Amino acid sequence: MLIIKATKVHIPVIARLFDLYRQFYECKPDIALAEQFISERIEKGESTIFLVEKDGKTLGFVQMYPSFCSVDAVKIYILYDLYVDDSGRNLGVCASLMDKAKSYAKAEGASRIDLMTAFSNKAGQHLYEKLGYKKVSEDFHNYSLQVEQGL
């Protein structure tokens, strides 16, 4: 397995996996949207994406966004997207991507990585806890506000 930091040349293969990731979360397939979104993140340097290749095939990716925690006055990363293709499951791909995310965040001077996952994603929860992530949902409520664009 080879873990690579994504560049513009990787946009099509990541977009395919990103579209499958969105479908996992019950979004309609939309490869054009996936490619546009990934392309913008890479070209604007707004996220860091790592992908796993094995035998010339891309098996999965992780995407993180840099941020800050004002309360602790530290840099953090938000791990927002993690997906492994069916052909890469049970090969340690997720754990390898998570380890790479951790080492990258540490090298970038971040104090922690935050993530959220669906209540139904039991496999993900098991992996995160196995890797040392702690549930903190009891401390805060998560809220979201839709902001209309173009007004």
C-alpha atoms as a PDB file:
ATOM      1  CA  MET A   1       0.000   0.000   0.000  1.00  0.00           C
ATOM      2  CA  LEU A   2       1.146   3.492  -0.840  1.00  0.00           C
ATOM      3  CA  ILE A   3      -0.301   6.609   0.804  1.00  0.00           C
ATOM      4  CA  ILE A   4      -0.043   9.742  -1.340  1.00  0.00           C
ATOM      5  CA  LYS A   5      -0.902  13.381  -0.673  1.00  0.00           C
ATOM      6  CA  ALA A   6      -3.371  14.279  -3.413  1.00  0.00           C
ATOM      7  CA  THR A   7      -2.605  16.803  -6.126  1.00  0.00           C
ATOM      8  CA  LYS A   8      -4.498  17.992  -9.206  1.00  0.00           C
ATOM      9  CA  VAL A   9      -3.608  14.807 -11.098  1.00  0.00           C
ATOM     10  CA  HIS A  10      -5.539  12.733  -8.550  1.00  0.00           C
ATOM     11  CA  ILE A  11      -8.813  14.688  -8.855  1.00  0.00           C
ATOM     12  CA  PRO A  12     -10.649  12.172 -11.121  1.00  0.00           C
ATOM     13  CA  VAL A  13      -9.871   9.133  -8.939  1.00  0.00           C
ATOM     14  CA  ILE A  14     -10.696  10.941  -5.706  1.00  0.00           C
ATOM     15  CA  ALA A  15     -13.901  12.327  -7.234  1.00  0.00           C
ATOM     16  CA  ARG A  16     -15.052   8.768  -8.005  1.00  0.00           C
ATOM     17  CA  LEU A  17     -14.497   7.725  -4.392  1.00  0.00           C
ATOM     18  CA  PHE A  18     -15.947  10.988  -3.056  1.00  0.00           C
ATOM     19  CA  ASP A  19     -19.127  10.371  -5.069  1.00  0.00           C
ATOM     20  CA  LEU A  20     -19.398   6.882  -3.540  1.00  0.00           C
ATOM     21  CA  TYR A  21     -18.774   8.382  -0.088  1.00  0.00           C
ATOM     22  CA  ARG A  22     -21.645  10.834  -0.601  1.00  0.00           C
ATOM     23  CA  GLN A  23     -23.883   7.970  -1.730  1.00  0.00           C
ATOM     24  CA  PHE A  24     -23.037   6.161   1.512  1.00  0.00           C
ATOM     25  CA  TYR A  25     -24.611   9.175   3.245  1.00  0.00           C
ATOM     26  CA  GLU A  26     -27.684   8.848   0.991  1.00  0.00           C
ATOM     27  CA  CYS A  27     -26.858  11.573  -1.544  1.00  0.00           C
ATOM     28  CA  LYS A  28     -27.726  11.017  -5.178  1.00  0.00           C
ATOM     29  CA  PRO A  29     -24.835  10.080  -7.469  1.00  0.00           C
ATOM     30  CA  ASP A  30     -23.321  13.204  -9.038  1.00  0.00           C
ATOM     31  CA  ILE A  31     -19.802  12.690 -10.348  1.00  0.00           C
ATOM     32  CA  ALA A  32     -19.656  16.216 -11.832  1.00  0.00           C
ATOM     33  CA  LEU A  33     -20.416  17.752  -8.433  1.00  0.00           C
ATOM     34  CA  ALA A  34     -17.884  15.453  -6.754  1.00  0.00           C
ATOM     35  CA  GLU A  35     -15.170  16.406  -9.232  1.00  0.00           C
ATOM     36  CA  GLN A  36     -15.929  20.114  -8.920  1.00  0.00           C
ATOM     37  CA  PHE A  37     -15.891  19.991  -5.111  1.00  0.00           C
ATOM     38  CA  ILE A  38     -12.633  18.016  -4.870  1.00  0.00           C
ATOM     39  CA  SER A  39     -11.021  20.139  -7.569  1.00  0.00           C
ATOM     40  CA  GLU A  40     -11.846  23.363  -5.707  1.00  0.00           C
ATOM     41  CA  ARG A  41     -10.509  22.047  -2.411  1.00  0.00           C
ATOM     42  CA  ILE A  42      -7.211  20.968  -3.983  1.00  0.00           C
ATOM     43  CA  GLU A  43      -6.733  23.996  -6.234  1.00  0.00           C
ATOM     44  CA  LYS A  44      -7.515  26.478  -3.440  1.00  0.00           C
ATOM     45  CA  GLY A  45      -5.446  24.565  -0.870  1.00  0.00           C
ATOM     46  CA  GLU A  46      -8.474  24.414   1.446  1.00  0.00           C
ATOM     47  CA  SER A  47      -8.068  20.806   2.478  1.00  0.00           C
ATOM     48  CA  THR A  48      -5.501  18.056   2.698  1.00  0.00           C
ATOM     49  CA  ILE A  49      -6.393  14.786   1.025  1.00  0.00           C
ATOM     50  CA  PHE A  50      -4.480  11.533   1.267  1.00  0.00           C
ATOM     51  CA  LEU A  51      -5.252   8.522  -0.884  1.00  0.00           C
ATOM     52  CA  VAL A  52      -4.225   4.892  -0.754  1.00  0.00           C
ATOM     53  CA  GLU A  53      -3.033   3.086  -3.845  1.00  0.00           C
ATOM     54  CA  LYS A  54      -2.336  -0.601  -4.186  1.00  0.00           C
ATOM     55  CA  ASP A  55      -1.408  -2.362  -7.403  1.00  0.00           C
ATOM     56  CA  GLY A  56      -2.242   0.795  -9.384  1.00  0.00           C
ATOM     57  CA  LYS A  57      -5.752   1.071  -7.952  1.00  0.00           C
ATOM     58  CA  THR A  58      -6.970   3.827  -5.630  1.00  0.00           C
ATOM     59  CA  LEU A  59      -8.687   2.158  -2.669  1.00  0.00           C
ATOM     60  CA  GLY A  60      -9.626   5.038  -0.381  1.00  0.00           C
ATOM     61  CA  PHE A  61      -9.078   8.577   0.776  1.00  0.00           C
ATOM     62  CA  VAL A  62      -9.212  10.845   3.800  1.00  0.00           C
ATOM     63  CA  GLN A  63      -9.895  14.600   3.662  1.00  0.00           C
ATOM     64  CA  MET A  64      -9.077  17.041   6.466  1.00  0.00           C
ATOM     65  CA  TYR A  65      -9.664  20.751   6.886  1.00  0.00           C
ATOM     66  CA  PRO A  66      -7.390  22.981   8.969  1.00  0.00           C
ATOM     67  CA  SER A  67      -9.122  24.935  11.720  1.00  0.00           C
ATOM     68  CA  PHE A  68      -8.604  26.324  15.205  1.00  0.00           C
ATOM     69  CA  CYS A  69     -10.007  25.839  18.676  1.00  0.00           C
ATOM     70  CA  SER A  70     -10.400  29.283  20.225  1.00  0.00           C
ATOM     71  CA  VAL A  71     -11.057  27.959  23.721  1.00  0.00           C
ATOM     72  CA  ASP A  72      -7.778  26.012  23.807  1.00  0.00           C
ATOM     73  CA  ALA A  73      -6.052  28.565  21.503  1.00  0.00           C
ATOM     74  CA  VAL A  74      -4.642  25.794  19.280  1.00  0.00           C
ATOM     75  CA  LYS A  75      -4.619  24.642  15.677  1.00  0.00           C
ATOM     76  CA  ILE A  76      -6.741  21.574  14.934  1.00  0.00           C
ATOM     77  CA  TYR A  77      -7.779  19.536  11.929  1.00  0.00           C
ATOM     78  CA  ILE A  78     -11.299  18.467  11.145  1.00  0.00           C
ATOM     79  CA  LEU A  79     -11.366  15.031   9.586  1.00  0.00           C
ATOM     80  CA  TYR A  80     -14.498  15.299   7.519  1.00  0.00           C
ATOM     81  CA  ASP A  81     -14.298  12.593   4.877  1.00  0.00           C
ATOM     82  CA  LEU A  82     -13.003   9.023   5.056  1.00  0.00           C
ATOM     83  CA  TYR A  83     -13.968   6.395   2.533  1.00  0.00           C
ATOM     84  CA  VAL A  84     -12.628   3.052   1.380  1.00  0.00           C
ATOM     85  CA  ASP A  85     -13.869   1.295  -1.752  1.00  0.00           C
ATOM     86  CA  ASP A  86     -15.349  -2.184  -1.289  1.00  0.00           C
ATOM     87  CA  SER A  87     -12.208  -3.720  -2.814  1.00  0.00           C
ATOM     88  CA  GLY A  88     -10.088  -2.108  -0.093  1.00  0.00           C
ATOM     89  CA  ARG A  89     -12.096  -3.161   2.923  1.00  0.00           C
ATOM     90  CA  ASN A  90     -10.561  -5.369   5.625  1.00  0.00           C
ATOM     91  CA  LEU A  91      -7.040  -4.619   4.388  1.00  0.00           C
ATOM     92  CA  GLY A  92      -6.131  -2.004   6.979  1.00  0.00           C
ATOM     93  CA  VAL A  93      -6.700   0.877   4.557  1.00  0.00           C
ATOM     94  CA  CYS A  94      -8.837   2.943   6.963  1.00  0.00           C
ATOM     95  CA  ALA A  95      -6.393   2.555   9.824  1.00  0.00           C
ATOM     96  CA  SER A  96      -3.496   3.474   7.533  1.00  0.00           C
ATOM     97  CA  LEU A  97      -5.304   6.610   6.360  1.00  0.00           C
ATOM     98  CA  MET A  98      -6.150   7.572   9.931  1.00  0.00           C
ATOM     99  CA  ASP A  99      -2.533   7.073  10.994  1.00  0.00           C
ATOM    100  CA  LYS A 100      -1.365   9.251   8.103  1.00  0.00           C
ATOM    101  CA  ALA A 101      -3.882  11.941   9.064  1.00  0.00           C
ATOM    102  CA  LYS A 102      -2.568  11.877  12.623  1.00  0.00           C
ATOM    103  CA  SER A 103       1.088  12.111  11.651  1.00  0.00           C
ATOM    104  CA  TYR A 104       0.336  14.922   9.192  1.00  0.00           C
ATOM    105  CA  ALA A 105      -1.654  16.916  11.765  1.00  0.00           C
ATOM    106  CA  LYS A 106       1.131  16.473  14.289  1.00  0.00           C
ATOM    107  CA  ALA A 107       3.769  17.600  11.766  1.00  0.00           C
ATOM    108  CA  GLU A 108       1.641  20.664  10.977  1.00  0.00           C
ATOM    109  CA  GLY A 109       1.564  21.657  14.654  1.00  0.00           C
ATOM    110  CA  ALA A 110      -2.055  20.723  15.340  1.00  0.00           C
ATOM    111  CA  SER A 111      -3.108  19.741  18.844  1.00  0.00           C
ATOM    112  CA  ARG A 112      -5.889  17.384  17.827  1.00  0.00           C
ATOM    113  CA  ILE A 113      -8.131  15.984  15.127  1.00  0.00           C
ATOM    114  CA  ASP A 114     -11.898  16.275  15.473  1.00  0.00           C
ATOM    115  CA  LEU A 115     -14.433  14.208  13.552  1.00  0.00           C
ATOM    116  CA  MET A 116     -18.112  13.371  13.502  1.00  0.00           C
ATOM    117  CA  THR A 117     -19.760  10.248  12.178  1.00  0.00           C
ATOM    118  CA  ALA A 118     -23.272   8.947  11.733  1.00  0.00           C
ATOM    119  CA  PHE A 119     -24.791   7.045  14.659  1.00  0.00           C
ATOM    120  CA  SER A 120     -25.297   4.136  12.255  1.00  0.00           C
ATOM    121  CA  ASN A 121     -21.600   3.969  11.262  1.00  0.00           C
ATOM    122  CA  LYS A 122     -20.691   1.330  13.832  1.00  0.00           C
ATOM    123  CA  ALA A 123     -17.630   0.112  11.894  1.00  0.00           C
ATOM    124  CA  GLY A 124     -16.224   3.645  11.816  1.00  0.00           C
ATOM    125  CA  GLN A 125     -16.931   4.199  15.500  1.00  0.00           C
ATOM    126  CA  HIS A 126     -15.188   0.961  16.386  1.00  0.00           C
ATOM    127  CA  LEU A 127     -12.111   1.954  14.361  1.00  0.00           C
ATOM    128  CA  TYR A 128     -11.952   5.482  15.785  1.00  0.00           C
ATOM    129  CA  GLU A 129     -12.164   4.223  19.357  1.00  0.00           C
ATOM    130  CA  LYS A 130      -9.571   1.517  18.627  1.00  0.00           C
ATOM    131  CA  LEU A 131      -7.233   4.279  17.366  1.00  0.00           C
ATOM    132  CA  GLY A 132      -7.680   6.305  20.567  1.00  0.00           C
ATOM    133  CA  TYR A 133     -10.406   8.778  19.564  1.00  0.00           C
ATOM    134  CA  LYS A 134     -12.732   9.661  22.441  1.00  0.00           C
ATOM    135  CA  LYS A 135     -16.449  10.428  22.209  1.00  0.00           C
ATOM    136  CA  VAL A 136     -17.092  13.991  23.324  1.00  0.00           C
ATOM    137  CA  SER A 137     -20.697  14.367  22.229  1.00  0.00           C
ATOM    138  CA  GLU A 138     -21.839  14.587  25.844  1.00  0.00           C
ATOM    139  CA  ASP A 139     -19.976  17.904  26.243  1.00  0.00           C
ATOM    140  CA  PHE A 140     -21.639  19.880  23.453  1.00  0.00           C
ATOM    141  CA  HIS A 141     -24.679  19.860  21.204  1.00  0.00           C
ATOM    142  CA  ASN A 142     -24.012  20.120  17.473  1.00  0.00           C
ATOM    143  CA  TYR A 143     -26.038  22.693  15.549  1.00  0.00           C
ATOM    144  CA  SER A 144     -26.181  23.605  11.882  1.00  0.00           C
ATOM    145  CA  LEU A 145     -27.699  26.552  10.011  1.00  0.00           C
ATOM    146  CA  GLN A 146     -28.401  26.477   6.281  1.00  0.00           C
ATOM    147  CA  VAL A 147     -27.225  29.718   4.671  1.00  0.00           C
ATOM    148  CA  GLU A 148     -28.934  30.505   1.396  1.00  0.00           C
ATOM    149  CA  GLN A 149     -26.531  31.322  -1.421  1.00  0.00           C
ATOM    150  CA  GLY A 150     -26.960  34.005  -4.065  1.00  0.00           C
ATOM    151  CA  LEU A 151     -29.241  36.398  -2.147  1.00  0.00           C
END
